[in-house]
C-alpha atoms as a PDB file:
ATOM      1  CA  UNK A   1      22.347  29.686 -10.187  1.00  0.00           C
ATOM      2  CA  UNK A   2      25.442  28.093 -11.629  1.00  0.00           C
ATOM      3  CA  UNK A   3      26.170  24.482 -10.815  1.00  0.00           C
ATOM      4  CA  UNK A   4      29.787  24.851 -11.893  1.00  0.00           C
ATOM      5  CA  UNK A   5      32.168  24.347  -8.978  1.00  0.00           C
ATOM      6  CA  UNK A   6      35.842  25.168  -9.069  1.00  0.00           C
ATOM      7  CA  UNK A   7      38.059  22.843  -7.125  1.00  0.00           C
ATOM      8  CA  UNK A   8      41.666  21.789  -7.252  1.00  0.00           C
ATOM      9  CA  UNK A   9      43.366  18.453  -6.939  1.00  0.00           C
ATOM     10  CA  UNK A  10      46.758  17.011  -7.734  1.00  0.00           C
ATOM     11  CA  UNK A  11      47.910  13.726  -9.191  1.00  0.00           C
ATOM     12  CA  UNK A  12      49.433  11.659  -6.393  1.00  0.00           C
ATOM     13  CA  UNK A  13      50.612   8.606  -8.286  1.00  0.00           C
ATOM     14  CA  UNK A  14      49.146   5.169  -8.907  1.00  0.00           C
ATOM     15  CA  UNK A  15      48.463   2.671  -6.140  1.00  0.00           C
ATOM     16  CA  UNK A  16      50.588  -0.363  -6.989  1.00  0.00           C
ATOM     17  CA  UNK A  17      48.266  -2.879  -5.333  1.00  0.00           C
ATOM     18  CA  UNK A  18      44.881  -1.737  -6.667  1.00  0.00           C
ATOM     19  CA  UNK A  19      46.259   0.052  -9.752  1.00  0.00           C
ATOM     20  CA  UNK A  20      44.038   3.056  -9.086  1.00  0.00           C
ATOM     21  CA  UNK A  21      44.983   6.684  -9.532  1.00  0.00           C
ATOM     22  CA  UNK A  22      45.467   8.646  -6.313  1.00  0.00           C
ATOM     23  CA  UNK A  23      44.657  12.340  -6.083  1.00  0.00           C
ATOM     24  CA  UNK A  24      45.324  14.958  -3.411  1.00  0.00           C
ATOM     25  CA  UNK A  25      42.588  17.454  -2.641  1.00  0.00           C
ATOM     26  CA  UNK A  26      39.581  15.127  -3.010  1.00  0.00           C
ATOM     27  CA  UNK A  27      39.263  14.055   0.612  1.00  0.00           C
ATOM     28  CA  UNK A  28      35.999  14.011   2.531  1.00  0.00           C
ATOM     29  CA  UNK A  29      36.431  17.659   3.572  1.00  0.00           C
ATOM     30  CA  UNK A  30      37.209  18.936   0.060  1.00  0.00           C
ATOM     31  CA  UNK A  31      35.032  21.441  -1.812  1.00  0.00           C
ATOM     32  CA  UNK A  32      34.314  18.842  -4.491  1.00  0.00           C
ATOM     33  CA  UNK A  33      33.121  16.112  -2.112  1.00  0.00           C
ATOM     34  CA  UNK A  34      31.061  18.549   0.001  1.00  0.00           C
ATOM     35  CA  UNK A  35      29.422  19.947  -3.141  1.00  0.00           C
ATOM     36  CA  UNK A  36      28.535  16.488  -4.488  1.00  0.00           C
ATOM     37  CA  UNK A  37      27.131  15.346  -1.140  1.00  0.00           C
ATOM     38  CA  UNK A  38      25.116  18.570  -0.692  1.00  0.00           C
ATOM     39  CA  UNK A  39      23.738  18.190  -4.223  1.00  0.00           C
ATOM     40  CA  UNK A  40      22.565  14.629  -3.632  1.00  0.00           C
ATOM     41  CA  UNK A  41      21.123  15.457  -0.209  1.00  0.00           C
ATOM     42  CA  UNK A  42      19.113  18.289  -1.761  1.00  0.00           C
ATOM     43  CA  UNK A  43      17.876  16.071  -4.607  1.00  0.00           C
ATOM     44  CA  UNK A  44      16.885  13.250  -2.262  1.00  0.00           C
ATOM     45  CA  UNK A  45      15.074  15.694   0.044  1.00  0.00           C
ATOM     46  CA  UNK A  46      13.263  17.166  -2.955  1.00  0.00           C
ATOM     47  CA  UNK A  47      12.221  13.800  -4.414  1.00  0.00           C
ATOM     48  CA  UNK A  48      11.471  12.105  -1.090  1.00  0.00           C
ATOM     49  CA  UNK A  49      10.324  14.771   1.361  1.00  0.00           C
ATOM     50  CA  UNK A  50      10.033  13.711   4.972  1.00  0.00           C
ATOM     51  CA  UNK A  51       6.630  13.685   6.583  1.00  0.00           C
ATOM     52  CA  UNK A  52       7.165  15.665   9.778  1.00  0.00           C
ATOM     53  CA  UNK A  53       3.624  15.232  11.040  1.00  0.00           C
ATOM     54  CA  UNK A  54       3.384  13.655  14.454  1.00  0.00           C
ATOM     55  CA  UNK A  55       2.142  10.078  14.293  1.00  0.00           C
ATOM     56  CA  UNK A  56       0.307   8.253  16.992  1.00  0.00           C
ATOM     57  CA  UNK A  57       2.622   5.513  18.379  1.00  0.00           C
ATOM     58  CA  UNK A  58      -0.157   2.950  18.056  1.00  0.00           C
ATOM     59  CA  UNK A  59      -0.639   3.955  14.415  1.00  0.00           C
ATOM     60  CA  UNK A  60       3.081   3.398  13.800  1.00  0.00           C
ATOM     61  CA  UNK A  61       2.828  -0.102  15.295  1.00  0.00           C
ATOM     62  CA  UNK A  62      -0.344  -0.848  13.308  1.00  0.00           C
ATOM     63  CA  UNK A  63       1.357   0.196  10.058  1.00  0.00           C
ATOM     64  CA  UNK A  64       4.368  -1.979  10.862  1.00  0.00           C
ATOM     65  CA  UNK A  65       2.079  -4.963  11.463  1.00  0.00           C
ATOM     66  CA  UNK A  66       0.167  -4.283   8.237  1.00  0.00           C
ATOM     67  CA  UNK A  67       3.420  -4.019   6.306  1.00  0.00           C
ATOM     68  CA  UNK A  68       4.584  -7.344   7.767  1.00  0.00           C
ATOM     69  CA  UNK A  69       1.212  -8.905   6.968  1.00  0.00           C
ATOM     70  CA  UNK A  70       1.262  -7.673   3.370  1.00  0.00           C
ATOM     71  CA  UNK A  71       4.893  -8.608   2.773  1.00  0.00           C
ATOM     72  CA  UNK A  72       4.710 -12.085   4.244  1.00  0.00           C
ATOM     73  CA  UNK A  73       1.261 -13.011   2.973  1.00  0.00           C
ATOM     74  CA  UNK A  74       2.233 -12.385  -0.643  1.00  0.00           C
ATOM     75  CA  UNK A  75       4.807 -15.209  -0.668  1.00  0.00           C
ATOM     76  CA  UNK A  76       2.686 -18.235   0.275  1.00  0.00           C
ATOM     77  CA  UNK A  77       2.653 -20.872  -2.453  1.00  0.00           C
ATOM     78  CA  UNK A  78       1.267 -24.411  -2.420  1.00  0.00           C
ATOM     79  CA  UNK A  79      -0.315 -24.226   1.023  1.00  0.00           C
ATOM     80  CA  UNK A  80      -3.985 -24.070   0.042  1.00  0.00           C
ATOM     81  CA  UNK A  81      -5.038 -27.096   2.108  1.00  0.00           C
ATOM     82  CA  UNK A  82      -3.290 -25.767   5.210  1.00  0.00           C
ATOM     83  CA  UNK A  83      -4.778 -22.299   4.678  1.00  0.00           C
ATOM     84  CA  UNK A  84      -8.252 -23.837   4.310  1.00  0.00           C
ATOM     85  CA  UNK A  85      -7.767 -25.762   7.572  1.00  0.00           C
ATOM     86  CA  UNK A  86      -6.788 -22.579   9.370  1.00  0.00           C
ATOM     87  CA  UNK A  87      -9.812 -20.736   7.988  1.00  0.00           C
ATOM     88  CA  UNK A  88     -12.051 -23.627   9.055  1.00  0.00           C
ATOM     89  CA  UNK A  89     -10.560 -23.375  12.551  1.00  0.00           C
ATOM     90  CA  UNK A  90     -11.103 -19.603  12.677  1.00  0.00           C
ATOM     91  CA  UNK A  91     -14.735 -19.945  11.604  1.00  0.00           C
ATOM     92  CA  UNK A  92     -15.502 -22.987  13.793  1.00  0.00           C
ATOM     93  CA  UNK A  93     -17.494 -22.778  17.026  1.00  0.00           C
ATOM     94  CA  UNK A  94     -14.522 -24.332  18.929  1.00  0.00           C
ATOM     95  CA  UNK A  95     -12.516 -21.110  18.887  1.00  0.00           C
ATOM     96  CA  UNK A  96     -11.440 -21.570  22.502  1.00  0.00           C
ATOM     97  CA  UNK A  97      -9.187 -24.493  21.598  1.00  0.00           C
ATOM     98  CA  UNK A  98      -5.592 -23.370  20.941  1.00  0.00           C
ATOM     99  CA  UNK A  99      -4.288 -23.580  17.395  1.00  0.00           C
ATOM    100  CA  UNK A 100      -0.624 -24.593  17.031  1.00  0.00           C
ATOM    101  CA  UNK A 101       1.377 -24.355  13.827  1.00  0.00           C
ATOM    102  CA  UNK A 102       4.674 -26.244  13.996  1.00  0.00           C
ATOM    103  CA  UNK A 103       7.538 -26.243  11.512  1.00  0.00           C
ATOM    104  CA  UNK A 104      11.281 -25.925  11.199  1.00  0.00           C
ATOM    105  CA  UNK A 105      12.911 -22.522  10.849  1.00  0.00           C
ATOM    106  CA  UNK A 106      12.270 -21.085   7.408  1.00  0.00           C
ATOM    107  CA  UNK A 107       9.377 -23.429   6.627  1.00  0.00           C
ATOM    108  CA  UNK A 108       6.981 -20.515   6.131  1.00  0.00           C
ATOM    109  CA  UNK A 109       4.998 -20.470   9.382  1.00  0.00           C
ATOM    110  CA  UNK A 110       4.930 -16.661   9.521  1.00  0.00           C
ATOM    111  CA  UNK A 111       3.932 -16.419   5.862  1.00  0.00           C
ATOM    112  CA  UNK A 112       1.096 -18.942   6.327  1.00  0.00           C
ATOM    113  CA  UNK A 113      -0.239 -17.118   9.385  1.00  0.00           C
ATOM    114  CA  UNK A 114       0.137 -13.740   7.677  1.00  0.00           C
ATOM    115  CA  UNK A 115      -1.880 -15.012   4.693  1.00  0.00           C
ATOM    116  CA  UNK A 116      -4.488 -16.436   7.073  1.00  0.00           C
ATOM    117  CA  UNK A 117      -4.662 -13.127   8.904  1.00  0.00           C
ATOM    118  CA  UNK A 118      -5.058 -11.214   5.631  1.00  0.00           C
ATOM    119  CA  UNK A 119      -7.818 -13.581   4.504  1.00  0.00           C
ATOM    120  CA  UNK A 120      -9.560 -13.258   7.870  1.00  0.00           C
ATOM    121  CA  UNK A 121      -9.383  -9.444   7.750  1.00  0.00           C
ATOM    122  CA  UNK A 122     -10.957  -9.476   4.280  1.00  0.00           C
ATOM    123  CA  UNK A 123     -13.676 -11.870   5.447  1.00  0.00           C
ATOM    124  CA  UNK A 124     -14.380  -9.673   8.469  1.00  0.00           C
ATOM    125  CA  UNK A 125     -14.642  -6.577   6.275  1.00  0.00           C
ATOM    126  CA  UNK A 126     -17.119  -8.420   4.008  1.00  0.00           C
ATOM    127  CA  UNK A 127     -18.993  -9.844   7.050  1.00  0.00           C
ATOM    128  CA  UNK A 128     -18.196 -13.407   5.946  1.00  0.00           C
ATOM    129  CA  UNK A 129     -17.173 -14.685   9.371  1.00  0.00           C
ATOM    130  CA  UNK A 130     -19.987 -16.239  11.431  1.00  0.00           C
END
């Protein structure tokens, strides 16, 4: 199959403000533009095929939470003491007492809790939580 496409366009002057060349016949409904868009759509579909399998809504939510956990927990730096305190709280017999983490917007509360959650999941998998 040939990928050569014949199209026509005409010089329409130079835009005085932006100093760009204008052409007639290359609008969004032109053969050229449609061909380029169809080509890229086909290539993207080929390289990144969609998974059309039905997913359980709870599985979708679980994956979103895991993605958030993995993304946020990877950016915690210099909070080892705080993370240790949270792990001590999680493993303590006083689990019924509420835990409150306070901080200004952008301080990293979500990242700290995501790292704590990731650590706790790993400990649970390894049976390291009393």
